[in-house]
């Protein structure tokens, strides 16, 4: 996940980190989430302001937990 003023900066940062980690053999979660306009994307209490982003983030976390469970069980 990245949060930056613009979408391209966050995406570039994610790929810049992902490529060398994959090369080193790290297991990577397939989905990458970039939150653009980070200065206004969050409410004062730290939640995502956009309900669509919130839904996507929750689904991504659910999928991540499922992946971790599958890896731990040897699937």
Protein backbone atom coordinates (compact mmCIF):
# COMPACT_ATOMS: atom_id res chain seq x y z
CA UNK A 1 0.00 0.00 0.00
CA UNK A 2 1.13 3.52 -0.70
CA UNK A 3 -0.29 6.94 0.05
CA UNK A 4 0.99 9.93 -1.87
CA UNK A 5 -0.20 13.22 -3.35
CA UNK A 6 -0.49 11.64 -6.80
CA UNK A 7 -1.29 8.12 -7.96
CA UNK A 8 1.80 7.78 -10.13
CA UNK A 9 4.21 8.44 -7.27
CA UNK A 10 2.67 5.77 -5.10
CA UNK A 11 2.61 3.23 -7.92
CA UNK A 12 6.23 3.90 -8.81
CA UNK A 13 7.24 3.46 -5.19
CA UNK A 14 5.37 0.17 -4.91
CA UNK A 15 7.00 -1.24 -8.04
CA UNK A 16 10.44 0.05 -7.02
CA UNK A 17 10.15 -1.98 -3.82
CA UNK A 18 8.34 -5.00 -5.23
CA UNK A 19 10.78 -5.87 -8.04
CA UNK A 20 13.90 -6.32 -5.89
CA UNK A 21 11.96 -8.15 -3.18
CA UNK A 22 10.60 -10.62 -5.74
CA UNK A 23 14.10 -11.05 -7.15
CA UNK A 24 15.30 -11.97 -3.66
CA UNK A 25 12.60 -14.63 -3.45
CA UNK A 26 10.14 -12.86 -1.17
CA UNK A 27 6.55 -14.03 -1.38
CA UNK A 28 4.56 -11.01 -2.52
CA UNK A 29 0.85 -10.36 -2.18
CA UNK A 30 -0.42 -9.84 -5.74
CA UNK A 31 -2.56 -6.77 -5.13
CA UNK A 32 -1.04 -3.34 -4.66
CA UNK A 33 -3.15 -0.44 -3.41
CA UNK A 34 -2.24 3.19 -4.00
CA UNK A 35 -4.13 5.95 -2.24
CA UNK A 36 -3.76 9.17 -4.19
CA UNK A 37 -4.39 12.66 -2.82
CA UNK A 38 -3.26 11.37 0.55
CA UNK A 39 -3.52 14.84 2.04
CA UNK A 40 -7.34 14.69 1.72
CA UNK A 41 -7.97 10.93 1.41
CA UNK A 42 -8.31 10.37 5.16
CA UNK A 43 -10.76 11.64 7.74
CA UNK A 44 -9.45 13.39 10.88
CA UNK A 45 -9.69 10.08 12.77
CA UNK A 46 -7.48 8.33 10.17
CA UNK A 47 -10.11 6.44 8.17
CA UNK A 48 -10.32 6.46 4.40
CA UNK A 49 -12.84 9.10 3.33
CA UNK A 50 -13.93 7.33 0.13
CA UNK A 51 -16.29 4.39 0.77
CA UNK A 52 -15.07 2.67 -2.42
CA UNK A 53 -11.46 2.83 -1.20
CA UNK A 54 -12.56 1.51 2.19
CA UNK A 55 -14.35 -1.42 0.58
CA UNK A 56 -11.34 -2.19 -1.62
CA UNK A 57 -8.97 -2.00 1.34
CA UNK A 58 -11.14 -4.31 3.46
CA UNK A 59 -11.36 -6.83 0.63
CA UNK A 60 -7.61 -6.67 0.13
CA UNK A 61 -7.00 -7.31 3.83
CA UNK A 62 -9.45 -10.23 3.79
CA UNK A 63 -7.66 -11.69 0.76
CA UNK A 64 -4.27 -11.18 2.42
CA UNK A 65 -5.37 -12.98 5.58
CA UNK A 66 -6.70 -15.86 3.45
CA UNK A 67 -3.37 -16.08 1.60
CA UNK A 68 -1.41 -16.13 4.85
CA UNK A 69 -3.70 -18.86 6.19
CA UNK A 70 -3.19 -20.94 3.06
CA UNK A 71 0.58 -20.54 3.23
CA UNK A 72 0.67 -21.46 6.92
CA UNK A 73 -1.39 -24.59 6.30
CA UNK A 74 0.94 -25.65 3.49
CA UNK A 75 -1.44 -25.03 0.58
